[in-house]
């Protein structure tokens, strides 16, 4: 990480709801005071393969982010072919792992959001 912080948005929904359907609600919930992107670059948004739809790519761009949506196989191929290639998928997987460590988030006992 480069030390700027991680803007985090949260959307609450029932089980078995596709993640990409909650994308706009999640992006809208990102706090206003989150760190701004660097002046010389763009703000990236890392998503997993479940978001790999043309509509999602457009939605992410309309919200001012650059989508980084790459299937695991494609990234593995690039890692083998390009020396020094930096994987972009791991922030998504790492964040899921962190959230799974918090049992209160993993198993919701509360009845209201």
N, C-alpha and C. Protein backbone atom coordinates (compact mmCIF):
# COMPACT_ATOMS: atom_id res chain seq x y z
N UNK A 1 0.84 -1.18 0.00
CA UNK A 1 0.00 0.00 0.00
C UNK A 1 0.88 1.24 0.00
N UNK A 2 0.34 2.31 -0.47
CA UNK A 2 1.10 3.54 -0.56
C UNK A 2 0.78 4.49 0.59
N UNK A 3 -0.02 4.07 1.57
CA UNK A 3 -0.24 4.88 2.75
C UNK A 3 -1.39 5.87 2.65
N UNK A 4 -2.11 5.91 1.53
CA UNK A 4 -3.21 6.87 1.40
C UNK A 4 -4.46 6.39 2.09
N UNK A 5 -4.58 5.15 2.42
CA UNK A 5 -5.78 4.63 3.04
C UNK A 5 -6.65 3.91 2.03
N UNK A 6 -7.66 3.25 2.53
CA UNK A 6 -8.55 2.49 1.70
C UNK A 6 -9.97 3.01 1.91
N UNK A 7 -10.55 3.69 0.90
CA UNK A 7 -11.94 4.09 1.05
C UNK A 7 -12.82 2.85 1.04
N UNK A 8 -13.69 2.74 2.00
CA UNK A 8 -14.50 1.54 2.14
C UNK A 8 -15.97 1.91 2.15
N UNK A 9 -16.72 1.30 1.27
CA UNK A 9 -18.16 1.47 1.24
C UNK A 9 -18.82 0.16 1.57
N UNK A 10 -20.00 0.20 2.17
CA UNK A 10 -20.68 -1.01 2.59
C UNK A 10 -22.15 -0.93 2.18
N UNK A 11 -22.65 -2.03 1.64
CA UNK A 11 -24.07 -2.15 1.32
C UNK A 11 -24.56 -3.44 1.96
N UNK A 12 -25.70 -3.37 2.61
CA UNK A 12 -26.26 -4.53 3.31
C UNK A 12 -27.44 -5.07 2.50
N UNK A 13 -27.43 -6.38 2.27
CA UNK A 13 -28.51 -7.02 1.52
C UNK A 13 -28.68 -8.45 2.02
N UNK A 14 -29.72 -9.06 1.57
CA UNK A 14 -29.98 -10.45 1.94
C UNK A 14 -29.00 -11.40 1.28
N UNK A 15 -29.06 -12.64 1.72
CA UNK A 15 -28.16 -13.65 1.18
C UNK A 15 -28.50 -13.96 -0.27
N UNK A 16 -27.54 -14.50 -0.97
CA UNK A 16 -27.67 -14.93 -2.37
C UNK A 16 -28.06 -13.80 -3.31
N UNK A 17 -27.63 -12.60 -3.01
CA UNK A 17 -27.85 -11.46 -3.91
C UNK A 17 -26.54 -11.23 -4.64
N UNK A 18 -26.59 -11.11 -5.95
CA UNK A 18 -25.36 -10.91 -6.73
C UNK A 18 -24.68 -9.61 -6.33
N UNK A 19 -23.37 -9.68 -6.16
CA UNK A 19 -22.60 -8.52 -5.72
C UNK A 19 -22.71 -7.35 -6.68
N UNK A 20 -22.69 -7.61 -7.97
CA UNK A 20 -22.68 -6.51 -8.93
C UNK A 20 -23.97 -5.68 -8.87
N UNK A 21 -25.06 -6.25 -8.33
CA UNK A 21 -26.31 -5.51 -8.20
C UNK A 21 -26.23 -4.47 -7.08
N UNK A 22 -25.29 -4.62 -6.18
CA UNK A 22 -25.13 -3.70 -5.05
C UNK A 22 -24.00 -2.70 -5.28
N UNK A 23 -23.43 -2.69 -6.48
CA UNK A 23 -22.26 -1.86 -6.74
C UNK A 23 -22.54 -0.38 -6.54
N UNK A 24 -23.60 0.14 -7.13
CA UNK A 24 -23.87 1.58 -7.02
C UNK A 24 -24.15 1.97 -5.57
N UNK A 25 -24.89 1.15 -4.86
CA UNK A 25 -25.17 1.43 -3.44
C UNK A 25 -23.87 1.44 -2.63
N UNK A 26 -22.97 0.53 -2.95
CA UNK A 26 -21.69 0.48 -2.26
C UNK A 26 -20.84 1.71 -2.58
N UNK A 27 -20.78 2.10 -3.84
CA UNK A 27 -20.01 3.28 -4.23
C UNK A 27 -20.59 4.55 -3.60
N UNK A 28 -21.91 4.62 -3.50
CA UNK A 28 -22.55 5.78 -2.88
C UNK A 28 -22.27 5.87 -1.38
N UNK A 29 -21.96 4.75 -0.75
CA UNK A 29 -21.73 4.74 0.69
C UNK A 29 -20.29 5.07 1.09
N UNK A 30 -19.41 5.28 0.11
CA UNK A 30 -18.02 5.65 0.42
C UNK A 30 -18.03 7.03 1.05
N UNK A 31 -17.35 7.21 2.18
CA UNK A 31 -17.36 8.51 2.86
C UNK A 31 -16.83 9.63 1.98
N UNK A 32 -17.39 10.82 2.15
CA UNK A 32 -16.99 11.98 1.36
C UNK A 32 -15.54 12.39 1.63
N UNK A 33 -15.06 12.16 2.84
CA UNK A 33 -13.72 12.61 3.20
C UNK A 33 -12.64 11.56 2.94
N UNK A 34 -12.92 10.60 2.03
CA UNK A 34 -11.90 9.60 1.71
C UNK A 34 -10.76 10.27 0.95
N UNK A 35 -9.58 9.69 0.97
CA UNK A 35 -8.43 10.30 0.31
C UNK A 35 -8.67 10.50 -1.19
N UNK A 36 -8.23 11.63 -1.69
CA UNK A 36 -8.37 11.94 -3.12
C UNK A 36 -7.30 11.19 -3.91
N UNK A 37 -7.57 10.88 -5.18
CA UNK A 37 -6.55 10.22 -5.99
C UNK A 37 -5.37 11.16 -6.22
N UNK A 38 -4.20 10.62 -6.49
CA UNK A 38 -3.05 11.47 -6.74
C UNK A 38 -3.27 12.33 -7.98
N UNK A 39 -2.68 13.50 -8.01
CA UNK A 39 -2.86 14.43 -9.12
C UNK A 39 -2.35 13.85 -10.44
N UNK A 40 -1.35 12.99 -10.36
CA UNK A 40 -0.76 12.44 -11.58
C UNK A 40 -1.34 11.08 -11.97
N UNK A 41 -2.36 10.63 -11.28
CA UNK A 41 -2.91 9.31 -11.58
C UNK A 41 -4.41 9.27 -11.42
N UNK A 42 -4.95 8.09 -11.56
CA UNK A 42 -6.38 7.87 -11.45
C UNK A 42 -6.66 6.96 -10.27
N UNK A 43 -7.87 7.02 -9.76
CA UNK A 43 -8.28 6.17 -8.64
C UNK A 43 -8.77 4.85 -9.20
N UNK A 44 -8.10 3.76 -8.83
CA UNK A 44 -8.48 2.44 -9.30
C UNK A 44 -9.49 1.79 -8.38
N UNK A 45 -10.27 0.89 -8.93
CA UNK A 45 -11.23 0.12 -8.15
C UNK A 45 -11.03 -1.34 -8.52
N UNK A 46 -10.56 -2.13 -7.55
CA UNK A 46 -10.26 -3.53 -7.78
C UNK A 46 -11.49 -4.36 -7.45
N UNK A 47 -11.90 -5.16 -8.41
CA UNK A 47 -13.07 -6.02 -8.24
C UNK A 47 -12.74 -7.41 -8.74
N UNK A 48 -13.48 -8.41 -8.26
CA UNK A 48 -13.20 -9.77 -8.71
C UNK A 48 -14.04 -10.11 -9.95
N UNK A 49 -13.93 -11.33 -10.41
CA UNK A 49 -14.53 -11.74 -11.68
C UNK A 49 -16.05 -11.63 -11.67
N UNK A 50 -16.67 -11.63 -10.53
CA UNK A 50 -18.12 -11.51 -10.44
C UNK A 50 -18.64 -10.17 -10.93
N UNK A 51 -17.76 -9.21 -11.13
CA UNK A 51 -18.13 -7.88 -11.61
C UNK A 51 -17.75 -7.67 -13.07
N UNK A 52 -17.35 -8.69 -13.77
CA UNK A 52 -16.83 -8.56 -15.13
C UNK A 52 -17.97 -8.51 -16.15
N UNK A 53 -18.69 -7.38 -16.16
CA UNK A 53 -19.77 -7.12 -17.11
C UNK A 53 -19.54 -5.75 -17.71
N UNK A 54 -19.96 -5.56 -18.96
CA UNK A 54 -19.79 -4.26 -19.62
C UNK A 54 -20.51 -3.17 -18.85
N UNK A 55 -21.70 -3.46 -18.33
CA UNK A 55 -22.46 -2.46 -17.57
C UNK A 55 -21.71 -2.03 -16.30
N UNK A 56 -21.05 -2.97 -15.66
CA UNK A 56 -20.30 -2.66 -14.44
C UNK A 56 -19.10 -1.79 -14.78
N UNK A 57 -18.40 -2.11 -15.87
CA UNK A 57 -17.25 -1.29 -16.28
C UNK A 57 -17.69 0.16 -16.48
N UNK A 58 -18.82 0.37 -17.18
CA UNK A 58 -19.32 1.72 -17.40
C UNK A 58 -19.74 2.40 -16.11
N UNK A 59 -20.38 1.66 -15.23
CA UNK A 59 -20.83 2.21 -13.95
C UNK A 59 -19.64 2.66 -13.11
N UNK A 60 -18.59 1.87 -13.10
CA UNK A 60 -17.39 2.22 -12.33
C UNK A 60 -16.76 3.48 -12.90
N UNK A 61 -16.65 3.56 -14.22
CA UNK A 61 -16.06 4.75 -14.86
C UNK A 61 -16.91 6.01 -14.62
N UNK A 62 -18.24 5.88 -14.65
CA UNK A 62 -19.10 7.04 -14.38
C UNK A 62 -18.93 7.56 -12.96
N UNK A 63 -18.50 6.71 -12.06
CA UNK A 63 -18.28 7.12 -10.67
C UNK A 63 -16.86 7.63 -10.44
N UNK A 64 -16.07 7.74 -11.50
CA UNK A 64 -14.75 8.34 -11.40
C UNK A 64 -13.62 7.38 -11.06
N UNK A 65 -13.83 6.09 -11.24
CA UNK A 65 -12.81 5.10 -10.95
C UNK A 65 -12.39 4.40 -12.23
N UNK A 66 -11.21 3.81 -12.18
CA UNK A 66 -10.73 2.97 -13.28
C UNK A 66 -10.91 1.52 -12.83
N UNK A 67 -11.72 0.73 -13.55
CA UNK A 67 -11.95 -0.64 -13.11
C UNK A 67 -10.74 -1.54 -13.35
N UNK A 68 -10.41 -2.31 -12.35
CA UNK A 68 -9.37 -3.35 -12.45
C UNK A 68 -10.07 -4.66 -12.13
N UNK A 69 -10.60 -5.29 -13.16
CA UNK A 69 -11.36 -6.53 -13.01
C UNK A 69 -10.65 -7.58 -13.85
N UNK A 70 -9.96 -8.48 -13.19
CA UNK A 70 -9.18 -9.45 -13.93
C UNK A 70 -9.41 -10.85 -13.35
N UNK A 71 -9.77 -11.79 -14.21
CA UNK A 71 -9.91 -13.17 -13.74
C UNK A 71 -8.57 -13.72 -13.26
N UNK A 72 -8.65 -14.67 -12.38
CA UNK A 72 -7.46 -15.28 -11.81
C UNK A 72 -6.53 -15.87 -12.87
N UNK A 73 -7.10 -16.51 -13.88
CA UNK A 73 -6.28 -17.14 -14.92
C UNK A 73 -5.48 -16.12 -15.71
N UNK A 74 -6.10 -15.00 -16.05
CA UNK A 74 -5.42 -13.97 -16.84
C UNK A 74 -4.26 -13.38 -16.05
N UNK A 75 -4.46 -13.17 -14.77
CA UNK A 75 -3.39 -12.60 -13.95
C UNK A 75 -2.23 -13.58 -13.80
N UNK A 76 -2.54 -14.83 -13.64
CA UNK A 76 -1.50 -15.86 -13.53
C UNK A 76 -0.65 -15.88 -14.79
N UNK A 77 -1.29 -15.76 -15.95
CA UNK A 77 -0.58 -15.74 -17.23
C UNK A 77 0.34 -14.53 -17.32
N UNK A 78 -0.16 -13.35 -16.93
CA UNK A 78 0.67 -12.15 -16.98
C UNK A 78 1.85 -12.23 -16.02
N UNK A 79 1.63 -12.81 -14.85
CA UNK A 79 2.73 -12.96 -13.89
C UNK A 79 3.85 -13.83 -14.46
N UNK A 80 3.49 -14.85 -15.25
CA UNK A 80 4.49 -15.73 -15.84
C UNK A 80 5.18 -15.08 -17.03
N UNK A 81 4.44 -14.30 -17.82
CA UNK A 81 4.99 -13.72 -19.04
C UNK A 81 5.79 -12.44 -18.82
N UNK A 82 5.34 -11.59 -17.92
CA UNK A 82 5.96 -10.28 -17.73
C UNK A 82 6.75 -10.23 -16.42
N UNK A 83 8.07 -10.17 -16.49
CA UNK A 83 8.84 -10.07 -15.26
C UNK A 83 8.55 -8.72 -14.58
N UNK A 84 8.31 -8.76 -13.29
CA UNK A 84 8.05 -7.54 -12.54
C UNK A 84 6.59 -7.11 -12.57
N UNK A 85 5.71 -7.91 -13.19
CA UNK A 85 4.29 -7.56 -13.21
C UNK A 85 3.74 -7.62 -11.79
N UNK A 86 3.00 -6.61 -11.42
CA UNK A 86 2.44 -6.53 -10.07
C UNK A 86 0.98 -6.97 -10.09
N UNK A 87 0.67 -7.99 -9.33
CA UNK A 87 -0.69 -8.51 -9.29
C UNK A 87 -1.64 -7.47 -8.72
N UNK A 88 -2.82 -7.36 -9.31
CA UNK A 88 -3.81 -6.40 -8.84
C UNK A 88 -4.99 -7.08 -8.16
N UNK A 89 -5.09 -8.37 -8.25
CA UNK A 89 -6.23 -9.07 -7.67
C UNK A 89 -6.10 -9.23 -6.16
N UNK A 90 -4.90 -9.25 -5.63
CA UNK A 90 -4.72 -9.58 -4.22
C UNK A 90 -5.38 -8.59 -3.26
N UNK A 91 -5.54 -7.29 -3.57
CA UNK A 91 -6.23 -6.44 -2.59
C UNK A 91 -7.67 -6.88 -2.32
N UNK A 92 -8.36 -7.38 -3.34
CA UNK A 92 -9.72 -7.86 -3.14
C UNK A 92 -9.72 -9.08 -2.24
N UNK A 93 -8.87 -10.05 -2.56
CA UNK A 93 -8.81 -11.27 -1.76
C UNK A 93 -8.36 -10.99 -0.33
N UNK A 94 -7.40 -10.09 -0.17
CA UNK A 94 -6.91 -9.73 1.16
C UNK A 94 -8.02 -9.10 1.99
N UNK A 95 -8.79 -8.21 1.39
CA UNK A 95 -9.87 -7.55 2.11
C UNK A 95 -10.93 -8.55 2.54
N UNK A 96 -11.28 -9.49 1.67
CA UNK A 96 -12.23 -10.54 2.05
C UNK A 96 -11.69 -11.35 3.22
N UNK A 97 -10.42 -11.65 3.20
CA UNK A 97 -9.81 -12.40 4.30
C UNK A 97 -9.89 -11.62 5.61
N UNK A 98 -9.59 -10.32 5.56
CA UNK A 98 -9.68 -9.50 6.77
C UNK A 98 -11.10 -9.50 7.33
N UNK A 99 -12.07 -9.35 6.45
CA UNK A 99 -13.45 -9.29 6.92
C UNK A 99 -13.90 -10.63 7.49
N UNK A 100 -13.41 -11.72 6.94
CA UNK A 100 -13.78 -13.04 7.46
C UNK A 100 -13.21 -13.29 8.86
N UNK A 101 -12.20 -12.55 9.24
CA UNK A 101 -11.64 -12.72 10.59
C UNK A 101 -12.52 -12.08 11.66
N UNK A 102 -13.39 -11.18 11.27
CA UNK A 102 -14.28 -10.53 12.21
C UNK A 102 -15.59 -11.31 12.25
N UNK A 103 -15.72 -12.16 13.23
CA UNK A 103 -16.85 -13.08 13.31
C UNK A 103 -18.18 -12.34 13.31
N UNK A 104 -18.22 -11.15 13.87
CA UNK A 104 -19.47 -10.39 13.92
C UNK A 104 -19.92 -9.97 12.53
N UNK A 105 -18.99 -9.80 11.62
CA UNK A 105 -19.35 -9.47 10.24
C UNK A 105 -19.68 -10.75 9.48
N UNK A 106 -18.89 -11.79 9.72
CA UNK A 106 -19.08 -13.05 9.01
C UNK A 106 -20.44 -13.66 9.32
N UNK A 107 -20.80 -13.70 10.61
CA UNK A 107 -22.09 -14.24 11.04
C UNK A 107 -22.83 -13.09 11.70
N UNK A 108 -23.84 -12.59 11.03
CA UNK A 108 -24.55 -11.42 11.54
C UNK A 108 -25.62 -11.84 12.53
N UNK A 109 -25.46 -11.43 13.78
CA UNK A 109 -26.46 -11.70 14.79
C UNK A 109 -27.48 -10.57 14.87
N UNK A 110 -27.07 -9.38 14.47
CA UNK A 110 -27.98 -8.24 14.55
C UNK A 110 -29.10 -8.42 13.53
N UNK A 111 -30.26 -7.91 13.84
CA UNK A 111 -31.41 -8.04 12.97
C UNK A 111 -31.57 -6.83 12.06
N UNK A 112 -30.92 -5.70 12.39
CA UNK A 112 -31.05 -4.49 11.60
C UNK A 112 -29.67 -4.02 11.14
N UNK A 113 -29.63 -3.30 10.03
CA UNK A 113 -28.37 -2.84 9.48
C UNK A 113 -27.71 -1.88 10.44
